[in-house]
Amino acid sequence: MSKVLGILNFEPNYVHVRGLEDFRPISATSILGRYRVIDFMLSNFTNSGIDNIKLFIKNRPRSTVEHVTHTSYNINSKRGKIHLLHGDVDYSNNDMFNVDIQAFKTYMEFIDVENPSYVIIAPSHFIFKQDFSEMLDYHIRSKNDITVLYHNSNNADRKYLMGDTIVIDKNQRISEFHKNRGKYKKAAISLETYVMSALTFKQLVEEASMTSSLYSLSDIISDCTKVMKIGAYANHGYFACISTLTAYYEANMEIKQEKELLKLINDDWPIYTMTNDSCPTLYKSGAKVSGSIIANGCQIEGTVINSVIGRNVVVREGAVIRDSVILPDTLIDKNVKLECAVVDRLSIITHIKELKGTKEEPIYIKRGDRI
């Protein structure tokens, strides 16, 4: 394979995951009780044979740094590494200027020193399975200037809003980019994953920075459809865009189903994550569990139905958890009823005995809250 640099981009400004993003980047958020969102994309890189990766962090870096530095991702330490890059500029007063182009420009010297032939830029807020080596081979064969990964969606009217949709001509070339405003049910969704030469990448970064300080990489690529050959490469299987709290909730509910999970993980395509040596989950005599994923280290005395339970969660006797996502280190006390809830880590629910959201608008309990 040609010398390839993987770039894991941070989430764009249309991503707003209520509550969860106040404490960590979406990429560092727990999913399926065991993984972090970022694990899926980093594993795509390493499973594709790419073990030299620049990981850009937009804000609140602690969770990402802690997780990534304690996870191997099966990288050969002699020739590869994950290099974490966090911006030095404080954008807390106006996050609209905190865009990827500014970060790429700031750290271009660290990209140059790798001297790659090609770069593959992937998003940190998407979940999908993709062999990037196959995508790179297609890019080279087709002689594209840029190749964009996409997925055909049948529910674009309610998902992936404000992300990019693309129009593809008969030659698999992209003629237009549009923001998805939910107008059409069927659409080709850009997975914000791009393959290009290192030279093209540098040219795009420079041109975008001169065009507008608010421009992102997707903006400048959209501008180039008439002057560059931008090809489309289809992704198949499960994918999710974690851009809202509802999208996060739905992804957990969908991926826990075996048929969807197997589209992301198998023996030939493992998902690497930080290991945890806590004891197996203890199920007491009155516990009832169905249709759920329960991580290790839990103590289940009550009822868990169609839910995702993170590590070291305690569910007391008489408690009923239904259609919910419970993050690690949480206590659900006796006789508490939860339905369609996302409970952040370190929370204690004890005094209020019933909390109920909907699948369209799950209720959120913030990190460390006591209710």
Protein backbone atom coordinates (compact mmCIF):
# COMPACT_ATOMS: atom_id res chain seq x y z
CA MET A 1 0.00 0.00 0.00
CA SER A 2 1.12 3.56 -0.70
CA LYS A 3 2.14 5.57 2.34
CA VAL A 4 -1.14 6.64 3.90
CA LEU A 5 -1.85 8.97 6.80
CA GLY A 6 -5.14 8.57 8.63
CA ILE A 7 -6.73 11.74 9.96
CA LEU A 8 -9.58 11.43 12.44
CA ASN A 9 -11.49 14.69 12.26
CA PHE A 10 -13.43 16.22 15.11
CA GLU A 11 -17.18 16.71 15.03
CA PRO A 12 -18.53 19.64 12.94
CA ASN A 13 -20.64 22.48 14.33
CA TYR A 14 -23.97 20.89 13.37
CA VAL A 15 -23.41 18.20 16.03
CA HIS A 16 -25.35 19.04 19.21
CA VAL A 17 -25.84 16.11 21.56
CA ARG A 18 -27.77 17.66 24.43
CA GLY A 19 -26.27 16.97 27.84
CA LEU A 20 -23.65 14.41 26.90
CA GLU A 21 -21.45 16.88 25.03
CA ASP A 22 -21.24 19.13 28.11
CA PHE A 23 -18.80 16.66 29.68
CA ARG A 24 -16.85 15.08 26.82
CA PRO A 25 -16.57 15.05 23.02
CA ILE A 26 -19.13 12.80 21.36
CA SER A 27 -16.24 10.69 20.09
CA ALA A 28 -15.34 9.81 23.70
CA THR A 29 -18.90 8.94 24.75
CA SER A 30 -19.72 5.40 25.87
CA ILE A 31 -21.80 3.32 23.47
CA LEU A 32 -23.11 -0.25 23.81
CA GLY A 33 -21.96 -0.21 27.44
CA ARG A 34 -18.40 -1.13 26.52
CA TYR A 35 -17.05 0.93 23.62
CA ARG A 36 -16.54 4.60 22.89
CA VAL A 37 -17.83 6.10 19.65
CA ILE A 38 -14.27 6.79 18.51
CA ASP A 39 -13.32 3.09 18.76
CA PHE A 40 -15.20 2.18 15.60
CA MET A 41 -13.37 4.65 13.36
CA LEU A 42 -9.94 4.04 14.86
CA SER A 43 -10.49 0.30 14.41
CA ASN A 44 -11.46 0.95 10.77
CA PHE A 45 -8.07 2.57 10.28
CA THR A 46 -6.00 -0.10 11.97
CA ASN A 47 -7.98 -3.02 10.53
CA SER A 48 -7.30 -1.46 7.10
CA GLY A 49 -3.56 -1.54 7.74
CA ILE A 50 -3.27 2.19 8.54
CA ASP A 51 -1.44 2.64 11.83
CA ASN A 52 -0.19 6.21 11.53
CA ILE A 53 -3.07 8.40 12.62
CA LYS A 54 -3.54 12.06 13.54
CA LEU A 55 -6.47 12.45 15.91
CA PHE A 56 -7.84 15.97 16.14
CA ILE A 57 -9.71 16.92 19.33
CA LYS A 58 -12.06 19.89 19.26
CA ASN A 59 -12.58 20.54 22.98
CA ARG A 60 -12.69 18.90 26.43
CA PRO A 61 -9.78 16.57 25.59
CA ARG A 62 -9.43 14.71 28.91
CA SER A 63 -11.80 11.81 28.18
CA THR A 64 -10.38 11.23 24.70
CA VAL A 65 -6.76 11.37 25.86
CA GLU A 66 -7.42 9.02 28.77
CA HIS A 67 -9.23 6.50 26.60
CA VAL A 68 -6.99 6.48 23.54
CA THR A 69 -3.71 6.37 25.48
CA HIS A 70 -4.93 3.26 27.33
CA THR A 71 -6.09 1.41 24.20
CA SER A 72 -3.68 -0.35 21.83
CA TYR A 73 -5.90 -0.45 18.69
CA ASN A 74 -3.49 -3.16 17.49
CA ILE A 75 -0.94 -0.59 16.30
CA ASN A 76 2.67 -1.61 15.72
CA SER A 77 4.44 0.76 18.10
CA LYS A 78 7.70 0.62 16.08
CA ARG A 79 6.22 2.08 12.91
CA GLY A 80 2.87 3.55 13.87
CA LYS A 81 1.22 5.80 16.42
CA ILE A 82 -1.87 7.79 17.21
CA HIS A 83 -0.88 11.43 17.54
CA LEU A 84 -3.44 13.49 19.50
CA LEU A 85 -3.73 17.12 18.40
CA HIS A 86 -5.76 19.62 20.41
CA GLY A 87 -6.07 23.25 19.39
CA ASP A 88 -4.30 25.91 21.43
CA VAL A 89 -6.89 28.60 20.70
CA ASP A 90 -9.73 29.08 23.20
CA TYR A 91 -13.00 29.13 21.23
CA SER A 92 -15.26 29.03 24.30
CA ASN A 93 -16.74 32.46 23.51
CA ASN A 94 -17.50 31.64 19.88
CA ASP A 95 -17.32 28.00 18.88
CA MET A 96 -18.36 28.77 15.28
CA PHE A 97 -14.70 29.54 14.49
CA ASN A 98 -13.54 26.18 15.84
CA VAL A 99 -13.57 24.42 12.47
CA ASP A 100 -11.37 21.65 11.11
CA ILE A 101 -9.59 23.78 8.50
CA GLN A 102 -8.13 26.03 11.21
CA ALA A 103 -6.92 22.95 13.12
CA PHE A 104 -5.39 21.38 9.99
CA LYS A 105 -3.60 24.61 9.15
CA THR A 106 -2.24 24.96 12.70
CA TYR A 107 -0.81 21.44 12.70
CA MET A 108 0.19 21.11 9.04
CA GLU A 109 3.86 20.76 9.98
CA PHE A 110 3.04 17.56 11.89
CA ILE A 111 1.28 16.22 8.80
CA ASP A 112 4.14 17.25 6.50
CA VAL A 113 6.73 15.44 8.58
CA GLU A 114 4.99 12.13 7.85
CA ASN A 115 5.45 12.72 4.11
CA PRO A 116 2.38 10.68 3.12
CA SER A 117 1.35 10.02 -0.46
CA TYR A 118 -2.35 9.96 0.48
CA VAL A 119 -4.50 11.06 3.38
CA ILE A 120 -7.78 9.51 4.48
CA ILE A 121 -9.91 11.84 6.57
CA ALA A 122 -12.70 10.22 8.58
CA PRO A 123 -15.24 11.63 11.08
CA SER A 124 -15.27 10.91 14.81
CA HIS A 125 -19.07 11.18 15.24
CA PHE A 126 -20.04 8.48 12.72
CA ILE A 127 -20.23 4.74 13.31
CA PHE A 128 -19.76 2.37 10.37
CA LYS A 129 -17.50 -0.38 9.11
CA GLN A 130 -15.24 0.37 6.15
CA ASP A 131 -12.07 -1.15 4.73
CA PHE A 132 -10.14 1.99 3.82
CA SER A 133 -7.55 0.04 1.84
CA GLU A 134 -10.26 -0.99 -0.65
CA MET A 135 -11.49 2.58 -0.85
CA LEU A 136 -7.95 3.81 -1.51
CA ASP A 137 -7.47 1.23 -4.28
CA TYR A 138 -10.68 2.47 -5.92
CA HIS A 139 -9.53 6.08 -5.59
CA ILE A 140 -6.23 5.33 -7.33
CA ARG A 141 -7.83 3.23 -10.10
CA SER A 142 -10.48 5.83 -10.86
CA LYS A 143 -7.92 8.67 -10.92
CA ASN A 144 -10.17 10.84 -8.78
CA ASP A 145 -8.89 14.02 -7.21
CA ILE A 146 -11.07 13.26 -4.18
CA THR A 147 -13.16 10.21 -3.33
CA VAL A 148 -16.08 10.61 -0.92
CA LEU A 149 -17.63 7.74 1.04
CA TYR A 150 -21.45 7.74 1.04
CA HIS A 151 -24.41 5.63 2.09
CA ASN A 152 -27.87 5.46 0.56
CA SER A 153 -30.47 6.23 3.23
CA ASN A 154 -34.21 5.61 3.33
CA ASN A 155 -34.85 7.86 6.32
CA ALA A 156 -32.98 11.05 5.50
CA ASP A 157 -36.12 13.05 6.26
CA ARG A 158 -35.59 12.53 10.00
CA LYS A 159 -31.92 11.48 10.38
CA TYR A 160 -28.53 12.96 9.48
CA LEU A 161 -30.03 16.45 9.40
CA MET A 162 -27.67 19.30 8.41
CA GLY A 163 -25.06 16.84 7.21
CA ASP A 164 -24.21 16.65 3.51
CA THR A 165 -26.15 14.80 0.85
CA ILE A 166 -24.67 14.27 -2.58
CA VAL A 167 -25.88 14.01 -6.18
CA ILE A 168 -24.07 11.29 -8.15
CA ASP A 169 -24.00 11.13 -11.94
CA LYS A 170 -23.85 7.99 -14.07
CA ASN A 171 -20.04 7.97 -13.90
CA GLN A 172 -20.05 7.82 -10.07
CA ARG A 173 -18.90 11.40 -9.98
CA ILE A 174 -20.38 13.87 -7.49
CA SER A 175 -21.97 16.84 -9.21
CA GLU A 176 -23.53 18.57 -6.18
CA PHE A 177 -23.47 18.71 -2.39
CA HIS A 178 -26.50 19.83 -0.37
CA LYS A 179 -27.27 20.26 3.31
CA ASN A 180 -29.81 17.71 4.44
CA ARG A 181 -32.81 19.68 5.71
CA GLY A 182 -35.10 16.67 5.87
CA LYS A 183 -36.91 17.41 2.62
CA TYR A 184 -36.43 13.96 1.08
CA LYS A 185 -36.79 10.51 2.59
CA LYS A 186 -34.28 8.91 0.23
CA ALA A 187 -30.86 10.48 -0.17
CA ALA A 188 -27.19 9.65 -0.60
CA ILE A 189 -25.62 10.69 2.69
CA SER A 190 -21.99 11.80 2.75
CA LEU A 191 -20.17 9.92 5.50
CA GLU A 192 -17.69 12.83 5.67
CA THR A 193 -14.88 10.45 4.78
CA TYR A 194 -12.47 11.57 2.07
CA VAL A 195 -9.50 10.08 0.23
CA MET A 196 -7.09 12.35 -1.60
CA SER A 197 -3.42 12.92 -2.21
CA ALA A 198 -1.49 14.78 0.45
CA LEU A 199 -0.85 17.57 -2.06
CA THR A 200 -4.56 17.98 -2.79
CA PHE A 201 -5.29 18.04 0.94
CA LYS A 202 -2.78 20.84 1.52
CA GLN A 203 -4.16 22.83 -1.41
CA LEU A 204 -7.71 22.53 -0.09
CA VAL A 205 -6.71 23.61 3.41
CA GLU A 206 -4.91 26.67 2.06
CA GLU A 207 -7.75 27.63 -0.27
CA ALA A 208 -10.40 27.18 2.43
CA SER A 209 -8.47 29.28 4.94
CA MET A 210 -8.20 32.11 2.40
CA THR A 211 -11.89 31.86 1.49
CA SER A 212 -13.40 32.11 4.97
CA SER A 213 -12.37 31.58 8.58
CA LEU A 214 -15.65 29.66 8.99
CA TYR A 215 -15.00 27.21 6.15
CA SER A 216 -14.73 23.50 6.89
CA LEU A 217 -13.17 20.78 4.76
CA SER A 218 -16.62 19.70 3.57
CA ASP A 219 -17.37 23.29 2.52
CA ILE A 220 -14.29 23.62 0.32
CA ILE A 221 -14.82 20.15 -1.22
CA SER A 222 -18.40 21.17 -2.06
CA ASP A 223 -17.02 24.22 -3.88
CA CYS A 224 -14.76 22.06 -6.06
CA THR A 225 -17.28 19.88 -7.90
CA LYS A 226 -16.81 21.85 -11.13
CA VAL A 227 -13.02 21.97 -11.07
CA MET A 228 -12.05 18.62 -9.56
CA LYS A 229 -12.96 15.03 -10.24
CA ILE A 230 -14.79 14.07 -7.05
CA GLY A 231 -15.82 10.44 -7.04
CA ALA A 232 -18.35 8.59 -4.87
CA TYR A 233 -17.67 5.28 -3.13
CA ALA A 234 -20.57 3.38 -1.58
CA ASN A 235 -20.58 2.05 1.96
CA HIS A 236 -22.86 -0.86 2.79
CA GLY A 237 -24.06 -2.16 6.12
CA TYR A 238 -25.04 -0.33 9.28
CA PHE A 239 -24.14 3.31 9.87
CA ALA A 240 -25.10 5.98 12.39
CA CYS A 241 -24.38 9.69 12.73
CA ILE A 242 -24.26 10.71 16.41
CA SER A 243 -25.33 14.34 15.95
CA THR A 244 -28.18 14.63 18.49
CA LEU A 245 -29.22 12.99 21.76
CA THR A 246 -31.97 11.14 19.90
CA ALA A 247 -29.44 9.87 17.34
CA TYR A 248 -27.21 8.63 20.18
CA TYR A 249 -30.15 6.87 21.81
CA GLU A 250 -31.29 5.30 18.54
CA ALA A 251 -27.78 4.07 17.70
CA ASN A 252 -27.57 2.21 21.00
CA MET A 253 -31.02 0.69 20.49
CA GLU A 254 -30.17 -0.38 16.93
CA ILE A 255 -26.64 -1.70 17.37
CA LYS A 256 -27.58 -3.90 20.33
CA GLN A 257 -29.61 -6.01 17.89
CA GLU A 258 -27.46 -8.92 16.78
CA LYS A 259 -28.14 -8.49 13.05
CA GLU A 260 -26.92 -4.88 13.14
CA LEU A 261 -24.03 -5.57 15.51
CA LEU A 262 -22.66 -8.24 13.19
CA LYS A 263 -22.49 -5.67 10.40
CA LEU A 264 -19.94 -3.76 12.49
CA ILE A 265 -18.02 -6.41 14.43
CA ASN A 266 -16.80 -9.91 13.61
CA ASP A 267 -13.73 -12.08 14.12
CA ASP A 268 -12.04 -10.58 11.06
CA TRP A 269 -12.97 -7.02 12.02
CA PRO A 270 -12.58 -6.52 15.77
CA ILE A 271 -13.39 -3.24 17.48
CA TYR A 272 -10.61 -2.31 19.88
CA THR A 273 -11.32 -0.52 23.13
CA MET A 274 -9.86 0.06 26.58
CA THR A 275 -9.91 -3.12 28.63
CA ASN A 276 -11.56 -3.30 32.03
CA ASP A 277 -10.79 -5.93 34.64
CA SER A 278 -13.97 -5.63 36.71
CA CYS A 279 -15.75 -8.81 37.75
CA PRO A 280 -18.58 -10.42 35.74
CA THR A 281 -22.06 -9.04 36.25
CA LEU A 282 -23.96 -10.47 39.22
CA TYR A 283 -27.61 -11.36 38.63
CA LYS A 284 -29.57 -11.77 41.86
CA SER A 285 -32.40 -14.30 42.18
CA GLY A 286 -35.17 -11.81 41.32
CA ALA A 287 -33.42 -10.29 38.30
CA LYS A 288 -35.18 -10.33 34.92
CA VAL A 289 -33.33 -9.31 31.76
CA SER A 290 -34.49 -9.47 28.13
CA GLY A 291 -33.36 -7.96 24.83
CA SER A 292 -30.54 -6.04 26.52
CA ILE A 293 -26.76 -5.65 26.60
CA ILE A 294 -25.29 -5.66 30.10
CA ALA A 295 -21.61 -4.77 30.57
CA ASN A 296 -19.38 -6.37 33.18
CA GLY A 297 -19.16 -5.30 36.80
CA CYS A 298 -22.91 -4.70 37.21
CA GLN A 299 -25.26 -5.90 39.91
CA ILE A 300 -28.78 -6.58 38.63
CA GLU A 301 -31.58 -7.22 41.13
CA GLY A 302 -34.49 -5.70 39.22
CA THR A 303 -35.85 -5.83 35.64
CA VAL A 304 -34.02 -4.67 32.51
CA ILE A 305 -35.89 -4.75 29.18
CA ASN A 306 -34.55 -3.72 25.76
CA SER A 307 -31.81 -1.54 27.24
CA VAL A 308 -28.04 -0.95 27.26
CA ILE A 309 -26.37 -1.00 30.68
CA GLY A 310 -22.79 0.23 31.07
CA ARG A 311 -20.10 -1.07 33.41
CA ASN A 312 -20.50 -1.09 37.19
CA VAL A 313 -24.19 -0.15 37.20
CA VAL A 314 -26.35 -1.24 40.15
CA VAL A 315 -30.06 -1.92 39.55
CA ARG A 316 -31.81 -2.49 42.87
CA GLU A 317 -34.72 -4.81 43.63
CA GLY A 318 -38.04 -3.71 42.15
CA ALA A 319 -36.44 -1.28 39.69
CA VAL A 320 -37.63 -1.52 36.08
CA ILE A 321 -35.49 -0.16 33.22
CA ARG A 322 -37.12 -0.22 29.82
CA ASP A 323 -35.84 1.08 26.43
CA SER A 324 -33.05 3.04 28.09
CA VAL A 325 -29.29 3.66 27.97
CA ILE A 326 -27.50 3.71 31.32
CA LEU A 327 -23.88 4.86 31.31
CA PRO A 328 -21.28 3.40 33.71
CA ASP A 329 -21.09 3.76 37.51
CA THR A 330 -24.77 4.55 37.98
CA LEU A 331 -27.18 3.51 40.75
CA ILE A 332 -30.85 2.85 39.97
CA ASP A 333 -32.42 2.42 43.39
CA LYS A 334 -35.33 0.27 44.59
CA ASN A 335 -38.65 0.51 42.75
CA VAL A 336 -37.45 3.20 40.30
CA LYS A 337 -39.13 3.03 36.87
CA LEU A 338 -37.16 4.32 33.87
CA GLU A 339 -38.41 4.36 30.30
CA CYS A 340 -36.76 5.91 27.23
CA ALA A 341 -34.01 7.53 29.29
CA VAL A 342 -30.33 8.28 28.81
CA VAL A 343 -28.67 8.33 32.23
CA ASP A 344 -25.16 9.74 32.29
CA ARG A 345 -22.42 8.19 34.40
CA LEU A 346 -22.09 8.56 38.19
CA SER A 347 -25.80 9.39 38.54
CA ILE A 348 -27.97 8.19 41.42
CA ILE A 349 -31.72 7.86 40.93
CA THR A 350 -33.36 7.13 44.25
CA HIS A 351 -36.05 9.60 45.37
CA ILE A 352 -37.99 10.17 42.14
CA LYS A 353 -39.57 6.82 41.37
CA GLU A 354 -40.63 7.30 37.74
CA LEU A 355 -38.94 9.02 34.82
CA LYS A 356 -40.30 8.57 31.32
CA GLY A 357 -39.29 9.99 27.97
CA THR A 358 -40.18 8.91 24.45
CA LYS A 359 -38.17 7.21 21.73
CA GLU A 360 -38.33 10.43 19.74
CA GLU A 361 -37.25 12.54 22.74
CA PRO A 362 -35.52 10.45 25.41
CA ILE A 363 -35.17 12.05 28.82
CA TYR A 364 -31.58 12.87 29.84
CA ILE A 365 -30.15 12.65 33.36
CA LYS A 366 -26.90 14.56 33.59
CA ARG A 367 -23.57 13.22 34.77
CA GLY A 368 -23.27 12.92 38.56
CA ASP A 369 -26.86 14.03 39.16
CA ARG A 370 -28.80 12.82 42.19
CA ILE A 371 -32.55 12.52 41.71
